[in-house]
Amino acid sequence: MQSINVSEGNSNYLSCGGVLFDKSKSVAVKFIAKRYIVTDVIDWFGKDIKFSDTTDDEVTVTVKVKPIAMKMWALKYSRHIKVIFP
């Protein structure tokens, strides 16, 4: 998938630059995090988090977040995470 386009009449979603957002302009972001920062992930993103693909050292995390907030958080935790989508 290269990009997503949503019709202007859609009442639930919108797209910008080929990225899908809900009406609050949040986007689903998936990243791999070191397990020792899971508490920080929960503190920052709250309860609407999906954890998957857990290993002894890492966990895959999916969150809905505004892009600028994710960018700032990812910069702060860049040594401990790897964003894999989008």
PDB file of N, CA and C in Angstrom:
ATOM      1  N   MET A   1       0.848  -1.164   0.000  1.00  0.00           N
ATOM      2  CA  MET A   1       0.000   0.000   0.000  1.00  0.00           C
ATOM      3  C   MET A   1       0.901   1.237   0.000  1.00  0.00           C
ATOM      4  N   GLN A   2       0.687   2.119  -0.929  1.00  0.00           N
ATOM      5  CA  GLN A   2       1.469   3.339  -1.036  1.00  0.00           C
ATOM      6  C   GLN A   2       0.836   4.504  -0.309  1.00  0.00           C
ATOM      7  N   SER A   3      -0.484   4.654  -0.440  1.00  0.00           N
ATOM      8  CA  SER A   3      -1.175   5.760   0.212  1.00  0.00           C
ATOM      9  C   SER A   3      -2.652   5.430   0.370  1.00  0.00           C
ATOM     10  N   ILE A   4      -3.307   6.226   1.196  1.00  0.00           N
ATOM     11  CA  ILE A   4      -4.734   6.056   1.446  1.00  0.00           C
ATOM     12  C   ILE A   4      -5.419   7.374   1.132  1.00  0.00           C
ATOM     13  N   ASN A   5      -6.525   7.301   0.421  1.00  0.00           N
ATOM     14  CA  ASN A   5      -7.322   8.483   0.113  1.00  0.00           C
ATOM     15  C   ASN A   5      -8.738   8.263   0.607  1.00  0.00           C
ATOM     16  N   VAL A   6      -9.258   9.225   1.348  1.00  0.00           N
ATOM     17  CA  VAL A   6     -10.601   9.146   1.916  1.00  0.00           C
ATOM     18  C   VAL A   6     -11.452  10.230   1.264  1.00  0.00           C
ATOM     19  N   SER A   7     -12.683   9.877   0.902  1.00  0.00           N
ATOM     20  CA  SER A   7     -13.569  10.863   0.295  1.00  0.00           C
ATOM     21  C   SER A   7     -13.902  11.965   1.294  1.00  0.00           C
ATOM     22  N   GLU A   8     -14.120  13.162   0.805  1.00  0.00           N
ATOM     23  CA  GLU A   8     -14.375  14.317   1.667  1.00  0.00           C
ATOM     24  C   GLU A   8     -15.629  14.167   2.515  1.00  0.00           C
ATOM     25  N   GLY A   9     -16.581  13.381   2.073  1.00  0.00           N
ATOM     26  CA  GLY A   9     -17.820  13.206   2.817  1.00  0.00           C
ATOM     27  C   GLY A   9     -17.741  12.216   3.962  1.00  0.00           C
ATOM     28  N   ASN A  10     -16.617  11.551   4.144  1.00  0.00           N
ATOM     29  CA  ASN A  10     -16.485  10.552   5.191  1.00  0.00           C
ATOM     30  C   ASN A  10     -16.553  11.224   6.564  1.00  0.00           C
ATOM     31  N   SER A  11     -17.463  10.746   7.415  1.00  0.00           N
ATOM     32  CA  SER A  11     -17.668  11.389   8.713  1.00  0.00           C
ATOM     33  C   SER A  11     -16.754  10.846   9.811  1.00  0.00           C
ATOM     34  N   ASN A  12     -16.003   9.788   9.529  1.00  0.00           N
ATOM     35  CA  ASN A  12     -15.159   9.181  10.556  1.00  0.00           C
ATOM     36  C   ASN A  12     -13.666   9.337  10.322  1.00  0.00           C
ATOM     37  N   TYR A  13     -13.264   9.407   9.055  1.00  0.00           N
ATOM     38  CA  TYR A  13     -11.843   9.416   8.735  1.00  0.00           C
ATOM     39  C   TYR A  13     -11.508  10.510   7.734  1.00  0.00           C
ATOM     40  N   LEU A  14     -10.213  10.854   7.675  1.00  0.00           N
ATOM     41  CA  LEU A  14      -9.709  11.754   6.651  1.00  0.00           C
ATOM     42  C   LEU A  14      -8.305  11.305   6.295  1.00  0.00           C
ATOM     43  N   SER A  15      -7.794  11.761   5.166  1.00  0.00           N
ATOM     44  CA  SER A  15      -6.432  11.428   4.780  1.00  0.00           C
ATOM     45  C   SER A  15      -5.681  12.705   4.464  1.00  0.00           C
ATOM     46  N   CYS A  16      -4.396  12.657   4.727  1.00  0.00           N
ATOM     47  CA  CYS A  16      -3.525  13.794   4.453  1.00  0.00           C
ATOM     48  C   CYS A  16      -2.175  13.234   4.045  1.00  0.00           C
ATOM     49  N   GLY A  17      -1.724  13.566   2.853  1.00  0.00           N
ATOM     50  CA  GLY A  17      -0.448  13.047   2.388  1.00  0.00           C
ATOM     51  C   GLY A  17      -0.425  11.541   2.269  1.00  0.00           C
ATOM     52  N   GLY A  18      -1.583  10.937   2.031  1.00  0.00           N
ATOM     53  CA  GLY A  18      -1.675   9.496   1.884  1.00  0.00           C
ATOM     54  C   GLY A  18      -1.728   8.722   3.186  1.00  0.00           C
ATOM     55  N   VAL A  19      -1.818   9.413   4.325  1.00  0.00           N
ATOM     56  CA  VAL A  19      -1.884   8.771   5.644  1.00  0.00           C
ATOM     57  C   VAL A  19      -3.310   8.860   6.165  1.00  0.00           C
ATOM     58  N   LEU A  20      -3.814   7.771   6.732  1.00  0.00           N
ATOM     59  CA  LEU A  20      -5.170   7.699   7.260  1.00  0.00           C
ATOM     60  C   LEU A  20      -5.208   8.240   8.686  1.00  0.00           C
ATOM     61  N   PHE A  21      -6.142   9.161   8.958  1.00  0.00           N
ATOM     62  CA  PHE A  21      -6.361   9.731  10.284  1.00  0.00           C
ATOM     63  C   PHE A  21      -7.813   9.540  10.659  1.00  0.00           C
ATOM     64  N   ASP A  22      -8.096   9.482  11.982  1.00  0.00           N
ATOM     65  CA  ASP A  22      -9.484   9.613  12.390  1.00  0.00           C
ATOM     66  C   ASP A  22      -9.775  11.112  12.471  1.00  0.00           C
ATOM     67  N   LYS A  23     -10.995  11.485  12.777  1.00  0.00           N
ATOM     68  CA  LYS A  23     -11.370  12.905  12.755  1.00  0.00           C
ATOM     69  C   LYS A  23     -10.609  13.738  13.785  1.00  0.00           C
ATOM     70  N   SER A  24     -10.033  13.111  14.789  1.00  0.00           N
ATOM     71  CA  SER A  24      -9.226  13.859  15.756  1.00  0.00           C
ATOM     72  C   SER A  24      -7.799  14.083  15.236  1.00  0.00           C
ATOM     73  N   LYS A  25      -7.557  13.631  14.006  1.00  0.00           N
ATOM     74  CA  LYS A  25      -6.253  13.718  13.336  1.00  0.00           C
ATOM     75  C   LYS A  25      -5.197  12.855  14.013  1.00  0.00           C
ATOM     76  N   SER A  26      -5.656  11.766  14.629  1.00  0.00           N
ATOM     77  CA  SER A  26      -4.736  10.774  15.177  1.00  0.00           C
ATOM     78  C   SER A  26      -4.490   9.705  14.125  1.00  0.00           C
ATOM     79  N   VAL A  27      -3.360   9.046  14.226  1.00  0.00           N
ATOM     80  CA  VAL A  27      -2.986   8.004  13.280  1.00  0.00           C
ATOM     81  C   VAL A  27      -2.517   6.790  14.079  1.00  0.00           C
ATOM     82  N   ALA A  28      -2.747   5.606  13.547  1.00  0.00           N
ATOM     83  CA  ALA A  28      -2.247   4.395  14.187  1.00  0.00           C
ATOM     84  C   ALA A  28      -0.757   4.281  13.898  1.00  0.00           C
ATOM     85  N   VAL A  29       0.022   4.125  14.942  1.00  0.00           N
ATOM     86  CA  VAL A  29       1.471   3.984  14.819  1.00  0.00           C
ATOM     87  C   VAL A  29       1.871   2.669  15.470  1.00  0.00           C
ATOM     88  N   LYS A  30       2.725   1.924  14.775  1.00  0.00           N
ATOM     89  CA  LYS A  30       3.224   0.662  15.312  1.00  0.00           C
ATOM     90  C   LYS A  30       4.727   0.791  15.486  1.00  0.00           C
ATOM     91  N   PHE A  31       5.219   0.381  16.644  1.00  0.00           N
ATOM     92  CA  PHE A  31       6.650   0.425  16.885  1.00  0.00           C
ATOM     93  C   PHE A  31       7.079  -0.741  17.771  1.00  0.00           C
ATOM     94  N   ILE A  32       8.352  -1.072  17.695  1.00  0.00           N
ATOM     95  CA  ILE A  32       8.950  -2.092  18.546  1.00  0.00           C
ATOM     96  C   ILE A  32       9.673  -1.363  19.670  1.00  0.00           C
ATOM     97  N   ALA A  33       9.400  -1.770  20.896  1.00  0.00           N
ATOM     98  CA  ALA A  33       9.992  -1.119  22.066  1.00  0.00           C
ATOM     99  C   ALA A  33      10.710  -2.146  22.929  1.00  0.00           C
ATOM    100  N   LYS A  34      11.755  -1.694  23.576  1.00  0.00           N
ATOM    101  CA  LYS A  34      12.410  -2.521  24.581  1.00  0.00           C
ATOM    102  C   LYS A  34      11.423  -2.694  25.731  1.00  0.00           C
ATOM    103  N   ARG A  35      11.364  -3.872  26.292  1.00  0.00           N
ATOM    104  CA  ARG A  35      10.370  -4.149  27.337  1.00  0.00           C
ATOM    105  C   ARG A  35      10.547  -3.281  28.576  1.00  0.00           C
ATOM    106  N   TYR A  36      11.754  -2.824  28.834  1.00  0.00           N
ATOM    107  CA  TYR A  36      11.980  -2.032  30.051  1.00  0.00           C
ATOM    108  C   TYR A  36      11.371  -0.633  29.981  1.00  0.00           C
ATOM    109  N   ILE A  37      10.835  -0.215  28.813  1.00  0.00           N
ATOM    110  CA  ILE A  37      10.169   1.097  28.749  1.00  0.00           C
ATOM    111  C   ILE A  37       8.644   0.976  28.648  1.00  0.00           C
ATOM    112  N   VAL A  38       8.110  -0.211  28.868  1.00  0.00           N
ATOM    113  CA  VAL A  38       6.655  -0.404  28.773  1.00  0.00           C
ATOM    114  C   VAL A  38       5.909   0.539  29.719  1.00  0.00           C
ATOM    115  N   THR A  39       6.411   0.757  30.910  1.00  0.00           N
ATOM    116  CA  THR A  39       5.762   1.680  31.843  1.00  0.00           C
ATOM    117  C   THR A  39       5.712   3.091  31.260  1.00  0.00           C
ATOM    118  N   ASP A  40       6.792   3.518  30.601  1.00  0.00           N
ATOM    119  CA  ASP A  40       6.802   4.831  29.958  1.00  0.00           C
ATOM    120  C   ASP A  40       5.794   4.902  28.822  1.00  0.00           C
ATOM    121  N   VAL A  41       5.654   3.816  28.072  1.00  0.00           N
ATOM    122  CA  VAL A  41       4.670   3.761  26.981  1.00  0.00           C
ATOM    123  C   VAL A  41       3.266   3.940  27.547  1.00  0.00           C
ATOM    124  N   ILE A  42       2.952   3.230  28.612  1.00  0.00           N
ATOM    125  CA  ILE A  42       1.621   3.325  29.226  1.00  0.00           C
ATOM    126  C   ILE A  42       1.402   4.723  29.796  1.00  0.00           C
ATOM    127  N   ASP A  43       2.400   5.275  30.469  1.00  0.00           N
ATOM    128  CA  ASP A  43       2.272   6.628  31.028  1.00  0.00           C
ATOM    129  C   ASP A  43       1.999   7.661  29.935  1.00  0.00           C
ATOM    130  N   TRP A  44       2.632   7.529  28.794  1.00  0.00           N
ATOM    131  CA  TRP A  44       2.498   8.523  27.724  1.00  0.00           C
ATOM    132  C   TRP A  44       1.212   8.338  26.927  1.00  0.00           C
ATOM    133  N   PHE A  45       0.907   7.101  26.534  1.00  0.00           N
ATOM    134  CA  PHE A  45      -0.195   6.857  25.603  1.00  0.00           C
ATOM    135  C   PHE A  45      -1.500   6.433  26.275  1.00  0.00           C
ATOM    136  N   GLY A  46      -1.497   6.152  27.556  1.00  0.00           N
ATOM    137  CA  GLY A  46      -2.725   5.799  28.254  1.00  0.00           C
ATOM    138  C   GLY A  46      -3.145   4.358  28.049  1.00  0.00           C
ATOM    139  N   LYS A  47      -4.443   4.132  28.076  1.00  0.00           N
ATOM    140  CA  LYS A  47      -4.988   2.779  28.055  1.00  0.00           C
ATOM    141  C   LYS A  47      -5.253   2.224  26.663  1.00  0.00           C
ATOM    142  N   ASP A  48      -5.324   3.072  25.659  1.00  0.00           N
ATOM    143  CA  ASP A  48      -5.655   2.619  24.300  1.00  0.00           C
ATOM    144  C   ASP A  48      -4.386   2.180  23.573  1.00  0.00           C
ATOM    145  N   ILE A  49      -3.795   1.088  24.069  1.00  0.00           N
ATOM    146  CA  ILE A  49      -2.546   0.548  23.539  1.00  0.00           C
ATOM    147  C   ILE A  49      -2.757  -0.932  23.247  1.00  0.00           C
ATOM    148  N   LYS A  50      -2.171  -1.390  22.147  1.00  0.00           N
ATOM    149  CA  LYS A  50      -2.204  -2.816  21.839  1.00  0.00           C
ATOM    150  C   LYS A  50      -0.766  -3.325  21.861  1.00  0.00           C
ATOM    151  N   PHE A  51      -0.508  -4.341  22.674  1.00  0.00           N
ATOM    152  CA  PHE A  51       0.800  -4.990  22.730  1.00  0.00           C
ATOM    153  C   PHE A  51       0.705  -6.327  22.004  1.00  0.00           C
ATOM    154  N   SER A  52       1.735  -6.645  21.227  1.00  0.00           N
ATOM    155  CA  SER A  52       1.768  -7.924  20.514  1.00  0.00           C
ATOM    156  C   SER A  52       3.217  -8.344  20.301  1.00  0.00           C
ATOM    157  N   ASP A  53       3.406  -9.532  19.788  1.00  0.00           N
ATOM    158  CA  ASP A  53       4.728 -10.062  19.429  1.00  0.00           C
ATOM    159  C   ASP A  53       5.760  -9.823  20.530  1.00  0.00           C
ATOM    160  N   THR A  54       5.429 -10.246  21.725  1.00  0.00           N
ATOM    161  CA  THR A  54       6.310 -10.048  22.868  1.00  0.00           C
ATOM    162  C   THR A  54       7.419 -11.098  22.885  1.00  0.00           C
ATOM    163  N   THR A  55       8.641 -10.631  23.103  1.00  0.00           N
ATOM    164  CA  THR A  55       9.786 -11.522  23.319  1.00  0.00           C
ATOM    165  C   THR A  55      10.355 -11.199  24.700  1.00  0.00           C
ATOM    166  N   ASP A  56      11.447 -11.838  25.052  1.00  0.00           N
ATOM    167  CA  ASP A  56      12.080 -11.549  26.342  1.00  0.00           C
ATOM    168  C   ASP A  56      12.570 -10.113  26.422  1.00  0.00           C
ATOM    169  N   ASP A  57      12.953  -9.529  25.278  1.00  0.00           N
ATOM    170  CA  ASP A  57      13.563  -8.200  25.264  1.00  0.00           C
ATOM    171  C   ASP A  57      12.698  -7.096  24.673  1.00  0.00           C
ATOM    172  N   GLU A  58      11.761  -7.459  23.780  1.00  0.00           N
ATOM    173  CA  GLU A  58      11.016  -6.442  23.030  1.00  0.00           C
ATOM    174  C   GLU A  58       9.534  -6.769  22.969  1.00  0.00           C
ATOM    175  N   VAL A  59       8.759  -5.738  22.622  1.00  0.00           N
ATOM    176  CA  VAL A  59       7.325  -5.889  22.423  1.00  0.00           C
ATOM    177  C   VAL A  59       6.914  -4.956  21.281  1.00  0.00           C
ATOM    178  N   THR A  60       5.974  -5.404  20.467  1.00  0.00           N
ATOM    179  CA  THR A  60       5.424  -4.552  19.425  1.00  0.00           C
ATOM    180  C   THR A  60       4.232  -3.814  20.006  1.00  0.00           C
ATOM    181  N   VAL A  61       4.190  -2.510  19.769  1.00  0.00           N
ATOM    182  CA  VAL A  61       3.170  -1.639  20.356  1.00  0.00           C
ATOM    183  C   VAL A  61       2.430  -0.924  19.232  1.00  0.00           C
ATOM    184  N   THR A  62       1.106  -0.857  19.327  1.00  0.00           N
ATOM    185  CA  THR A  62       0.291  -0.069  18.404  1.00  0.00           C
ATOM    186  C   THR A  62      -0.500   0.936  19.227  1.00  0.00           C
ATOM    187  N   VAL A  63      -0.418   2.206  18.828  1.00  0.00           N
ATOM    188  CA  VAL A  63      -1.115   3.288  19.526  1.00  0.00           C
ATOM    189  C   VAL A  63      -1.768   4.208  18.507  1.00  0.00           C
ATOM    190  N   LYS A  64      -2.788   4.947  18.933  1.00  0.00           N
ATOM    191  CA  LYS A  64      -3.369   6.018  18.117  1.00  0.00           C
ATOM    192  C   LYS A  64      -2.907   7.326  18.727  1.00  0.00           C
ATOM    193  N   VAL A  65      -2.268   8.139  17.902  1.00  0.00           N
ATOM    194  CA  VAL A  65      -1.630   9.349  18.416  1.00  0.00           C
ATOM    195  C   VAL A  65      -1.548  10.387  17.312  1.00  0.00           C
ATOM    196  N   LYS A  66      -1.506  11.639  17.686  1.00  0.00           N
ATOM    197  CA  LYS A  66      -1.284  12.697  16.701  1.00  0.00           C
ATOM    198  C   LYS A  66       0.165  12.624  16.243  1.00  0.00           C
ATOM    199  N   PRO A  67       0.401  12.785  14.949  1.00  0.00           N
ATOM    200  CA  PRO A  67       1.757  12.606  14.401  1.00  0.00           C
ATOM    201  C   PRO A  67       2.837  13.439  15.079  1.00  0.00           C
ATOM    202  N   ILE A  68       2.572  14.679  15.396  1.00  0.00           N
ATOM    203  CA  ILE A  68       3.612  15.509  16.006  1.00  0.00           C
ATOM    204  C   ILE A  68       3.958  15.005  17.404  1.00  0.00           C
ATOM    205  N   ALA A  69       2.963  14.527  18.146  1.00  0.00           N
ATOM    206  CA  ALA A  69       3.225  13.972  19.475  1.00  0.00           C
ATOM    207  C   ALA A  69       4.075  12.706  19.362  1.00  0.00           C
ATOM    208  N   MET A  70       3.774  11.866  18.381  1.00  0.00           N
ATOM    209  CA  MET A  70       4.555  10.650  18.191  1.00  0.00           C
ATOM    210  C   MET A  70       5.982  10.987  17.804  1.00  0.00           C
ATOM    211  N   LYS A  71       6.134  11.969  16.946  1.00  0.00           N
ATOM    212  CA  LYS A  71       7.480  12.369  16.523  1.00  0.00           C
ATOM    213  C   LYS A  71       8.312  12.811  17.721  1.00  0.00           C
ATOM    214  N   MET A  72       7.744  13.639  18.562  1.00  0.00           N
ATOM    215  CA  MET A  72       8.468  14.124  19.733  1.00  0.00           C
ATOM    216  C   MET A  72       8.794  12.981  20.691  1.00  0.00           C
ATOM    217  N   TRP A  73       7.832  12.093  20.906  1.00  0.00           N
ATOM    218  CA  TRP A  73       8.070  10.956  21.794  1.00  0.00           C
ATOM    219  C   TRP A  73       9.132  10.030  21.218  1.00  0.00           C
ATOM    220  N   ALA A  74       9.046   9.750  19.919  1.00  0.00           N
ATOM    221  CA  ALA A  74      10.015   8.862  19.273  1.00  0.00           C
ATOM    222  C   ALA A  74      11.427   9.435  19.332  1.00  0.00           C
ATOM    223  N   LEU A  75      11.557  10.746  19.193  1.00  0.00           N
ATOM    224  CA  LEU A  75      12.881  11.365  19.314  1.00  0.00           C
ATOM    225  C   LEU A  75      13.438  11.177  20.721  1.00  0.00           C
ATOM    226  N   LYS A  76      12.600  11.325  21.714  1.00  0.00           N
ATOM    227  CA  LYS A  76      13.036  11.166  23.104  1.00  0.00           C
ATOM    228  C   LYS A  76      13.467   9.734  23.397  1.00  0.00           C
ATOM    229  N   TYR A  77      12.758   8.759  22.830  1.00  0.00           N
ATOM    230  CA  TYR A  77      13.015   7.353  23.121  1.00  0.00           C
ATOM    231  C   TYR A  77      13.695   6.615  21.959  1.00  0.00           C
ATOM    232  N   SER A  78      14.357   7.339  21.081  1.00  0.00           N
ATOM    233  CA  SER A  78      14.910   6.746  19.865  1.00  0.00           C
ATOM    234  C   SER A  78      15.900   5.607  20.120  1.00  0.00           C
ATOM    235  N   ARG A  79      16.546   5.586  21.241  1.00  0.00           N
ATOM    236  CA  ARG A  79      17.477   4.499  21.559  1.00  0.00           C
ATOM    237  C   ARG A  79      16.747   3.224  21.966  1.00  0.00           C
ATOM    238  N   HIS A  80      15.468   3.339  22.271  1.00  0.00           N
ATOM    239  CA  HIS A  80      14.738   2.227  22.853  1.00  0.00           C
ATOM    240  C   HIS A  80      13.602   1.706  21.975  1.00  0.00           C
ATOM    241  N   ILE A  81      13.331   2.378  20.852  1.00  0.00           N
ATOM    242  CA  ILE A  81      12.217   1.975  19.983  1.00  0.00           C
ATOM    243  C   ILE A  81      12.632   1.997  18.521  1.00  0.00           C
ATOM    244  N   LYS A  82      11.804   1.346  17.699  1.00  0.00           N
ATOM    245  CA  LYS A  82      11.950   1.429  16.239  1.00  0.00           C
ATOM    246  C   LYS A  82      10.537   1.508  15.667  1.00  0.00           C
ATOM    247  N   VAL A  83      10.188   2.638  15.051  1.00  0.00           N
ATOM    248  CA  VAL A  83       8.869   2.798  14.445  1.00  0.00           C
ATOM    249  C   VAL A  83       8.831   1.958  13.165  1.00  0.00           C
ATOM    250  N   ILE A  84       7.800   1.111  13.040  1.00  0.00           N
ATOM    251  CA  ILE A  84       7.690   0.249  11.867  1.00  0.00           C
ATOM    252  C   ILE A  84       6.486   0.580  10.972  1.00  0.00           C
ATOM    253  N   PHE A  85       5.555   1.412  11.471  1.00  0.00           N
ATOM    254  CA  PHE A  85       4.426   1.850  10.641  1.00  0.00           C
ATOM    255  C   PHE A  85       3.844   3.112  11.241  1.00  0.00           C
ATOM    256  N   PRO A  86       3.481   4.107  10.511  1.00  0.00           N
ATOM    257  CA  PRO A  86       3.694   4.293   9.077  1.00  0.00           C
ATOM    258  C   PRO A  86       5.104   4.723   8.759  1.00  0.00           C
TER     259      PRO A  86
END
